Amino acid sequence: MTNPKDHCNHHGAEIVTVKQADAEHLVLSTVDRTWVNRRTPCAQCPWRKDADGVFPPEAFRESAATAYDQSTETFGCHDSGIQRPAVCAGFLLRGAENNRTVRLAKAFGIYDGQVQDAGLELHESYRAMAVANGVDPDDLTLRDCRD
């Protein structure tokens, strides 16, 4: 696998980690130099309750740190991929309230908050999403996630 720091797009989002969840799924964590985000959750957004089971439990273990207090990594949209990374709309709606990068982007007017749930039922927290997708509620990777 190539160095994830070599993956930068013209939008300014930098992929800081690329982890293999299983043979078909990668987990991307990004740091945004300029803000790019999805406006609504995509069809298989893991934050959607109707998309449970699309991604393996390991994907949720690998990306849990994006939901820790004061994390600087954001939850990347899987649909945007490596070529055009963007912050996940579901994450912004349900899992980003204590993310340092998101809070600073709001404070400096970089993130306009124009994200909608499109009437979709979303998990209330990162922990709830991970557990619904097969992660044991007592898994250590979820310890620092807020409910």
N, C-alpha and C. Protein backbone atom coordinates (compact mmCIF):
# COMPACT_ATOMS: atom_id res chain seq x y z
N MET A 1 0.85 -1.17 0.00
CA MET A 1 0.00 0.00 0.00
C MET A 1 0.90 1.24 0.00
N THR A 2 0.49 2.27 -0.72
CA THR A 2 1.28 3.49 -0.80
C THR A 2 1.11 4.32 0.47
N ASN A 3 2.00 5.26 0.64
CA ASN A 3 1.92 6.16 1.78
C ASN A 3 0.66 7.00 1.65
N PRO A 4 -0.28 6.95 2.63
CA PRO A 4 -1.51 7.72 2.52
C PRO A 4 -1.27 9.22 2.44
N LYS A 5 -0.17 9.69 2.94
CA LYS A 5 0.10 11.12 2.88
C LYS A 5 0.43 11.58 1.46
N ASP A 6 0.67 10.62 0.55
CA ASP A 6 0.89 10.97 -0.84
C ASP A 6 -0.42 11.27 -1.57
N HIS A 7 -1.55 10.95 -0.95
CA HIS A 7 -2.85 11.14 -1.58
C HIS A 7 -3.43 12.48 -1.16
N CYS A 8 -3.34 13.45 -2.04
CA CYS A 8 -3.91 14.77 -1.82
C CYS A 8 -4.74 15.11 -3.04
N ASN A 9 -5.86 15.78 -2.86
CA ASN A 9 -6.62 16.19 -4.03
C ASN A 9 -6.60 17.69 -4.17
N HIS A 10 -7.15 18.17 -5.26
CA HIS A 10 -7.13 19.61 -5.50
C HIS A 10 -7.99 20.38 -4.52
N HIS A 11 -8.85 19.70 -3.79
CA HIS A 11 -9.68 20.36 -2.79
C HIS A 11 -8.88 20.68 -1.53
N GLY A 12 -7.79 19.99 -1.31
CA GLY A 12 -6.98 20.22 -0.13
C GLY A 12 -7.15 19.20 0.96
N ALA A 13 -8.08 18.26 0.86
CA ALA A 13 -8.22 17.22 1.87
C ALA A 13 -7.05 16.27 1.73
N GLU A 14 -6.44 15.95 2.84
CA GLU A 14 -5.30 15.04 2.84
C GLU A 14 -5.68 13.77 3.57
N ILE A 15 -5.46 12.64 2.95
CA ILE A 15 -5.71 11.36 3.59
C ILE A 15 -4.53 11.07 4.50
N VAL A 16 -4.81 10.91 5.79
CA VAL A 16 -3.73 10.68 6.74
C VAL A 16 -3.58 9.20 7.09
N THR A 17 -4.65 8.44 6.97
CA THR A 17 -4.53 7.00 7.18
C THR A 17 -5.43 6.26 6.19
N VAL A 18 -4.94 5.14 5.72
CA VAL A 18 -5.71 4.21 4.91
C VAL A 18 -5.54 2.86 5.57
N LYS A 19 -6.65 2.29 6.02
CA LYS A 19 -6.60 0.99 6.70
C LYS A 19 -7.49 0.02 5.96
N GLN A 20 -7.07 -1.22 5.89
CA GLN A 20 -7.84 -2.27 5.23
C GLN A 20 -8.79 -2.87 6.25
N ALA A 21 -10.11 -2.72 6.02
CA ALA A 21 -11.10 -3.31 6.92
C ALA A 21 -11.33 -4.78 6.58
N ASP A 22 -11.38 -5.07 5.30
CA ASP A 22 -11.46 -6.45 4.80
C ASP A 22 -11.03 -6.42 3.34
N ALA A 23 -11.23 -7.49 2.62
CA ALA A 23 -10.75 -7.57 1.24
C ALA A 23 -11.39 -6.53 0.31
N GLU A 24 -12.57 -6.03 0.67
CA GLU A 24 -13.29 -5.11 -0.21
C GLU A 24 -13.39 -3.68 0.30
N HIS A 25 -13.02 -3.42 1.54
CA HIS A 25 -13.28 -2.11 2.13
C HIS A 25 -12.03 -1.48 2.74
N LEU A 26 -11.84 -0.20 2.42
CA LEU A 26 -10.80 0.62 3.03
C LEU A 26 -11.45 1.60 3.99
N VAL A 27 -10.71 2.01 5.01
CA VAL A 27 -11.14 3.05 5.94
C VAL A 27 -10.20 4.23 5.75
N LEU A 28 -10.76 5.39 5.41
CA LEU A 28 -9.97 6.60 5.19
C LEU A 28 -10.20 7.58 6.32
N SER A 29 -9.13 8.14 6.86
CA SER A 29 -9.23 9.27 7.78
C SER A 29 -8.55 10.44 7.09
N THR A 30 -9.19 11.59 7.19
CA THR A 30 -8.67 12.75 6.47
C THR A 30 -8.43 13.92 7.41
N VAL A 31 -7.57 14.80 6.97
CA VAL A 31 -7.41 16.12 7.58
C VAL A 31 -7.66 17.09 6.44
N ASP A 32 -8.54 18.03 6.65
CA ASP A 32 -8.94 18.92 5.57
C ASP A 32 -8.22 20.25 5.65
N ARG A 33 -7.48 20.56 4.60
CA ARG A 33 -6.78 21.84 4.50
C ARG A 33 -7.75 22.91 4.03
N THR A 34 -8.64 22.55 3.16
CA THR A 34 -9.80 23.36 2.81
C THR A 34 -10.98 22.42 2.93
N TRP A 35 -12.13 22.94 3.21
CA TRP A 35 -13.25 22.09 3.60
C TRP A 35 -14.01 21.55 2.40
N VAL A 36 -14.19 20.23 2.36
CA VAL A 36 -15.03 19.56 1.37
C VAL A 36 -15.85 18.53 2.13
N ASN A 37 -17.17 18.60 2.01
CA ASN A 37 -18.00 17.61 2.67
C ASN A 37 -19.20 17.25 1.80
N ARG A 38 -19.74 16.07 2.08
CA ARG A 38 -20.98 15.65 1.43
C ARG A 38 -22.12 16.43 2.05
N ARG A 39 -23.15 16.70 1.28
CA ARG A 39 -24.31 17.47 1.75
C ARG A 39 -25.40 16.59 2.34
N THR A 40 -25.48 15.35 1.89
CA THR A 40 -26.45 14.38 2.42
C THR A 40 -25.76 13.02 2.48
N PRO A 41 -26.24 12.14 3.36
CA PRO A 41 -25.65 10.79 3.41
C PRO A 41 -25.86 10.06 2.09
N CYS A 42 -24.83 9.38 1.63
CA CYS A 42 -24.91 8.64 0.37
C CYS A 42 -25.70 7.34 0.57
N ALA A 43 -25.93 6.62 -0.50
CA ALA A 43 -26.80 5.43 -0.48
C ALA A 43 -26.36 4.37 0.51
N GLN A 44 -25.06 4.17 0.69
CA GLN A 44 -24.59 3.15 1.62
C GLN A 44 -23.84 3.76 2.80
N CYS A 45 -24.19 4.97 3.15
CA CYS A 45 -23.54 5.64 4.28
C CYS A 45 -23.70 4.79 5.54
N PRO A 46 -22.61 4.48 6.23
CA PRO A 46 -22.70 3.63 7.41
C PRO A 46 -23.48 4.27 8.56
N TRP A 47 -23.71 5.57 8.50
CA TRP A 47 -24.52 6.24 9.53
C TRP A 47 -26.01 5.98 9.33
N ARG A 48 -26.40 5.54 8.15
CA ARG A 48 -27.81 5.23 7.86
C ARG A 48 -28.18 3.90 8.51
N LYS A 49 -29.31 3.89 9.22
CA LYS A 49 -29.75 2.65 9.85
C LYS A 49 -30.13 1.60 8.81
N ASP A 50 -30.56 2.02 7.64
CA ASP A 50 -30.92 1.06 6.61
C ASP A 50 -29.72 0.52 5.84
N ALA A 51 -28.51 0.93 6.24
CA ALA A 51 -27.29 0.44 5.59
C ALA A 51 -26.46 -0.45 6.52
N ASP A 52 -27.04 -0.84 7.65
CA ASP A 52 -26.31 -1.73 8.57
C ASP A 52 -25.88 -2.99 7.84
N GLY A 53 -24.66 -3.43 8.11
CA GLY A 53 -24.14 -4.66 7.53
C GLY A 53 -23.41 -4.50 6.22
N VAL A 54 -23.41 -3.29 5.65
CA VAL A 54 -22.69 -3.06 4.39
C VAL A 54 -21.19 -3.16 4.61
N PHE A 55 -20.72 -2.62 5.73
CA PHE A 55 -19.29 -2.62 6.04
C PHE A 55 -19.01 -3.59 7.18
N PRO A 56 -17.83 -4.19 7.19
CA PRO A 56 -17.48 -5.16 8.24
C PRO A 56 -17.21 -4.45 9.57
N PRO A 57 -17.36 -5.16 10.69
CA PRO A 57 -17.09 -4.56 11.99
C PRO A 57 -15.70 -3.91 12.09
N GLU A 58 -14.72 -4.49 11.43
CA GLU A 58 -13.36 -3.93 11.49
C GLU A 58 -13.31 -2.50 10.97
N ALA A 59 -14.14 -2.16 10.01
CA ALA A 59 -14.17 -0.79 9.49
C ALA A 59 -14.54 0.19 10.60
N PHE A 60 -15.41 -0.21 11.48
CA PHE A 60 -15.85 0.66 12.57
C PHE A 60 -14.82 0.73 13.69
N ARG A 61 -14.11 -0.35 13.90
CA ARG A 61 -13.01 -0.31 14.87
C ARG A 61 -11.91 0.63 14.37
N GLU A 62 -11.59 0.52 13.10
CA GLU A 62 -10.50 1.32 12.52
C GLU A 62 -10.80 2.82 12.47
N SER A 63 -12.06 3.19 12.36
CA SER A 63 -12.39 4.61 12.24
C SER A 63 -12.95 5.22 13.53
N ALA A 64 -12.99 4.45 14.61
CA ALA A 64 -13.56 4.95 15.87
C ALA A 64 -12.89 6.21 16.38
N ALA A 65 -11.59 6.33 16.18
CA ALA A 65 -10.86 7.49 16.71
C ALA A 65 -11.35 8.82 16.14
N THR A 66 -12.04 8.80 15.00
CA THR A 66 -12.58 10.05 14.46
C THR A 66 -13.67 10.62 15.36
N ALA A 67 -14.26 9.78 16.21
CA ALA A 67 -15.33 10.21 17.10
C ALA A 67 -14.86 10.45 18.53
N TYR A 68 -13.57 10.35 18.77
CA TYR A 68 -13.05 10.66 20.11
C TYR A 68 -13.04 12.17 20.32
N ASP A 69 -13.16 12.58 21.58
CA ASP A 69 -13.10 14.00 21.91
C ASP A 69 -11.83 14.62 21.36
N GLN A 70 -11.99 15.74 20.70
CA GLN A 70 -10.89 16.55 20.18
C GLN A 70 -10.05 15.86 19.11
N SER A 71 -10.60 14.86 18.46
CA SER A 71 -9.89 14.23 17.35
C SER A 71 -9.68 15.25 16.24
N THR A 72 -8.55 15.15 15.56
CA THR A 72 -8.29 16.04 14.43
C THR A 72 -8.53 15.33 13.10
N GLU A 73 -8.80 14.04 13.14
CA GLU A 73 -9.11 13.28 11.93
C GLU A 73 -10.62 13.25 11.75
N THR A 74 -11.06 13.37 10.51
CA THR A 74 -12.49 13.32 10.23
C THR A 74 -12.84 12.00 9.55
N PHE A 75 -14.09 11.65 9.64
CA PHE A 75 -14.61 10.41 9.06
C PHE A 75 -14.84 10.67 7.57
N GLY A 76 -14.03 10.04 6.74
CA GLY A 76 -14.13 10.26 5.30
C GLY A 76 -15.28 9.50 4.67
N CYS A 77 -15.93 10.13 3.70
CA CYS A 77 -17.01 9.47 2.96
C CYS A 77 -16.42 8.36 2.10
N HIS A 78 -16.91 7.14 2.26
CA HIS A 78 -16.39 6.01 1.49
C HIS A 78 -16.73 6.17 0.01
N ASP A 79 -17.83 6.82 -0.30
CA ASP A 79 -18.26 6.97 -1.69
C ASP A 79 -17.37 7.96 -2.45
N SER A 80 -16.81 8.92 -1.74
CA SER A 80 -15.91 9.90 -2.37
C SER A 80 -14.57 9.27 -2.71
N GLY A 81 -14.13 8.36 -1.87
CA GLY A 81 -12.92 7.60 -2.14
C GLY A 81 -11.62 8.37 -2.01
N ILE A 82 -10.56 7.76 -2.47
CA ILE A 82 -9.21 8.30 -2.34
C ILE A 82 -8.98 9.47 -3.29
N GLN A 83 -9.58 9.44 -4.46
CA GLN A 83 -9.30 10.48 -5.46
C GLN A 83 -9.91 11.83 -5.11
N ARG A 84 -11.08 11.84 -4.47
CA ARG A 84 -11.76 13.09 -4.14
C ARG A 84 -12.30 13.02 -2.71
N PRO A 85 -11.44 12.90 -1.72
CA PRO A 85 -11.91 12.73 -0.35
C PRO A 85 -12.78 13.89 0.13
N ALA A 86 -13.80 13.53 0.88
CA ALA A 86 -14.71 14.51 1.46
C ALA A 86 -15.14 13.98 2.82
N VAL A 87 -15.55 14.88 3.69
CA VAL A 87 -16.04 14.49 5.01
C VAL A 87 -17.45 13.93 4.84
N CYS A 88 -17.73 12.85 5.54
CA CYS A 88 -19.02 12.15 5.48
C CYS A 88 -20.14 13.01 6.08
N ALA A 89 -21.27 13.10 5.37
CA ALA A 89 -22.42 13.86 5.86
C ALA A 89 -22.99 13.23 7.13
N GLY A 90 -23.08 11.91 7.18
CA GLY A 90 -23.59 11.25 8.38
C GLY A 90 -22.75 11.58 9.61
N PHE A 91 -21.45 11.57 9.44
CA PHE A 91 -20.53 11.94 10.52
C PHE A 91 -20.80 13.36 10.99
N LEU A 92 -20.95 14.28 10.06
CA LEU A 92 -21.20 15.67 10.44
C LEU A 92 -22.52 15.83 11.18
N LEU A 93 -23.51 15.03 10.81
CA LEU A 93 -24.82 15.12 11.45
C LEU A 93 -24.89 14.44 12.81
N ARG A 94 -24.10 13.38 13.02
CA ARG A 94 -24.25 12.60 14.25
C ARG A 94 -22.98 12.34 15.06
N GLY A 95 -21.80 12.46 14.46
CA GLY A 95 -20.61 12.04 15.18
C GLY A 95 -19.52 13.07 15.34
N ALA A 96 -19.77 14.31 14.93
CA ALA A 96 -18.67 15.27 14.84
C ALA A 96 -18.74 16.42 15.85
N GLU A 97 -19.70 16.40 16.74
CA GLU A 97 -19.87 17.56 17.62
C GLU A 97 -18.67 17.84 18.51
N ASN A 98 -17.85 16.84 18.79
CA ASN A 98 -16.67 17.05 19.63
C ASN A 98 -15.36 16.85 18.87
N ASN A 99 -15.44 16.86 17.55
CA ASN A 99 -14.26 16.71 16.71
C ASN A 99 -13.60 18.09 16.55
N ARG A 100 -12.33 18.17 16.88
CA ARG A 100 -11.62 19.45 16.85
C ARG A 100 -11.61 20.08 15.46
N THR A 101 -11.34 19.29 14.45
CA THR A 101 -11.29 19.82 13.09
C THR A 101 -12.64 20.42 12.68
N VAL A 102 -13.72 19.72 12.99
CA VAL A 102 -15.06 20.22 12.64
C VAL A 102 -15.38 21.48 13.42
N ARG A 103 -15.06 21.49 14.69
CA ARG A 103 -15.34 22.68 15.51
C ARG A 103 -14.57 23.90 15.03
N LEU A 104 -13.30 23.70 14.67
CA LEU A 104 -12.52 24.83 14.15
C LEU A 104 -13.04 25.28 12.79
N ALA A 105 -13.42 24.34 11.95
CA ALA A 105 -13.97 24.70 10.64
C ALA A 105 -15.24 25.53 10.79
N LYS A 106 -16.08 25.18 11.77
CA LYS A 106 -17.28 25.98 12.04
C LYS A 106 -16.90 27.36 12.57
N ALA A 107 -15.99 27.39 13.54
CA ALA A 107 -15.61 28.66 14.18
C ALA A 107 -15.02 29.65 13.19
N PHE A 108 -14.27 29.16 12.21
CA PHE A 108 -13.63 30.04 11.24
C PHE A 108 -14.46 30.23 9.97
N GLY A 109 -15.68 29.69 9.96
CA GLY A 109 -16.56 29.87 8.81
C GLY A 109 -16.17 29.06 7.59
N ILE A 110 -15.33 28.06 7.78
CA ILE A 110 -14.90 27.20 6.66
C ILE A 110 -15.98 26.17 6.34
N TYR A 111 -16.61 25.65 7.38
CA TYR A 111 -17.70 24.68 7.23
C TYR A 111 -19.00 25.43 7.45
N ASP A 112 -19.86 25.44 6.43
CA ASP A 112 -21.09 26.22 6.49
C ASP A 112 -22.26 25.51 7.15
N GLY A 113 -22.09 24.26 7.54
CA GLY A 113 -23.16 23.53 8.22
C GLY A 113 -24.29 23.10 7.30
N GLN A 114 -24.13 23.25 6.01
CA GLN A 114 -25.18 22.91 5.05
C GLN A 114 -25.19 21.41 4.77
N VAL A 115 -25.63 20.65 5.76
CA VAL A 115 -25.74 19.20 5.65
C VAL A 115 -27.14 18.82 6.12
N GLN A 116 -27.78 17.92 5.39
CA GLN A 116 -29.13 17.49 5.73
C GLN A 116 -29.21 15.98 5.76
N ASP A 117 -30.13 15.48 6.59
CA ASP A 117 -30.28 14.03 6.67
C ASP A 117 -31.18 13.47 5.57
N ALA A 118 -31.79 14.34 4.77
CA ALA A 118 -32.65 13.94 3.65
C ALA A 118 -33.79 13.01 4.09
N GLY A 119 -34.21 13.16 5.35
CA GLY A 119 -35.30 12.34 5.87
C GLY A 119 -34.91 10.93 6.22
N LEU A 120 -33.63 10.64 6.20
CA LEU A 120 -33.13 9.30 6.51
C LEU A 120 -32.96 9.11 8.01
N GLU A 121 -33.19 7.90 8.48
CA GLU A 121 -32.97 7.59 9.89
C GLU A 121 -31.49 7.23 10.08
N LEU A 122 -30.82 8.02 10.92
CA LEU A 122 -29.38 7.84 11.17
C LEU A 122 -29.14 7.36 12.59
N HIS A 123 -28.03 6.67 12.78
CA HIS A 123 -27.63 6.27 14.13
C HIS A 123 -27.35 7.52 14.95
N GLU A 124 -27.66 7.47 16.22
CA GLU A 124 -27.53 8.63 17.10
C GLU A 124 -26.09 8.94 17.49
N SER A 125 -25.22 7.96 17.43
CA SER A 125 -23.83 8.17 17.85
C SER A 125 -22.92 7.17 17.13
N TYR A 126 -21.63 7.43 17.21
CA TYR A 126 -20.68 6.50 16.60
C TYR A 126 -20.79 5.13 17.25
N ARG A 127 -20.87 5.12 18.58
CA ARG A 127 -20.98 3.85 19.30
C ARG A 127 -22.20 3.05 18.82
N ALA A 128 -23.35 3.72 18.72
CA ALA A 128 -24.58 3.04 18.28
C ALA A 128 -24.41 2.46 16.88
N MET A 129 -23.77 3.22 16.00
CA MET A 129 -23.53 2.75 14.64
C MET A 129 -22.61 1.53 14.63
N ALA A 130 -21.53 1.61 15.39
CA ALA A 130 -20.56 0.51 15.42
C ALA A 130 -21.18 -0.77 15.98
N VAL A 131 -21.93 -0.64 17.07
CA VAL A 131 -22.56 -1.81 17.69
C VAL A 131 -23.60 -2.42 16.73
N ALA A 132 -24.36 -1.57 16.05
CA ALA A 132 -25.35 -2.07 15.08
C ALA A 132 -24.69 -2.81 13.92
N ASN A 133 -23.40 -2.56 13.73
CA ASN A 133 -22.66 -3.20 12.64
C ASN A 133 -21.71 -4.28 13.13
N GLY A 134 -21.96 -4.80 14.32
CA GLY A 134 -21.25 -5.98 14.78
C GLY A 134 -20.08 -5.79 15.73
N VAL A 135 -19.80 -4.55 16.13
CA VAL A 135 -18.72 -4.32 17.09
C VAL A 135 -19.27 -4.56 18.50
N ASP A 136 -18.55 -5.32 19.29
CA ASP A 136 -18.96 -5.58 20.67
C ASP A 136 -19.04 -4.26 21.43
N PRO A 137 -20.12 -4.01 22.18
CA PRO A 137 -20.24 -2.76 22.93
C PRO A 137 -19.09 -2.50 23.90
N ASP A 138 -18.41 -3.57 24.34
CA ASP A 138 -17.29 -3.42 25.27
C ASP A 138 -15.94 -3.37 24.57
N ASP A 139 -15.92 -3.32 23.25
CA ASP A 139 -14.67 -3.24 22.49
C ASP A 139 -13.90 -1.99 22.92
N LEU A 140 -12.61 -2.15 23.17
CA LEU A 140 -11.79 -1.03 23.65
C LEU A 140 -11.74 0.14 22.68
N THR A 141 -11.93 -0.11 21.39
CA THR A 141 -11.89 1.01 20.43
C THR A 141 -13.06 1.96 20.62
N LEU A 142 -14.12 1.50 21.27
CA LEU A 142 -15.29 2.36 21.50
C LEU A 142 -15.26 3.06 22.85
N ARG A 143 -14.28 2.73 23.66
CA ARG A 143 -14.21 3.26 25.02
C ARG A 143 -14.27 4.79 25.07
N ASP A 144 -13.58 5.46 24.18
CA ASP A 144 -13.50 6.92 24.22
C ASP A 144 -14.53 7.62 23.33
N CYS A 145 -15.43 6.86 22.74
CA CYS A 145 -16.50 7.47 21.94
C CYS A 145 -17.62 7.94 22.87
N ARG A 146 -18.14 9.11 22.60
CA ARG A 146 -19.30 9.57 23.37
C ARG A 146 -20.56 8.88 22.89
N ASP A 147 -21.51 8.74 23.80
CA ASP A 147 -22.81 8.16 23.43
C ASP A 147 -23.73 9.24 22.92
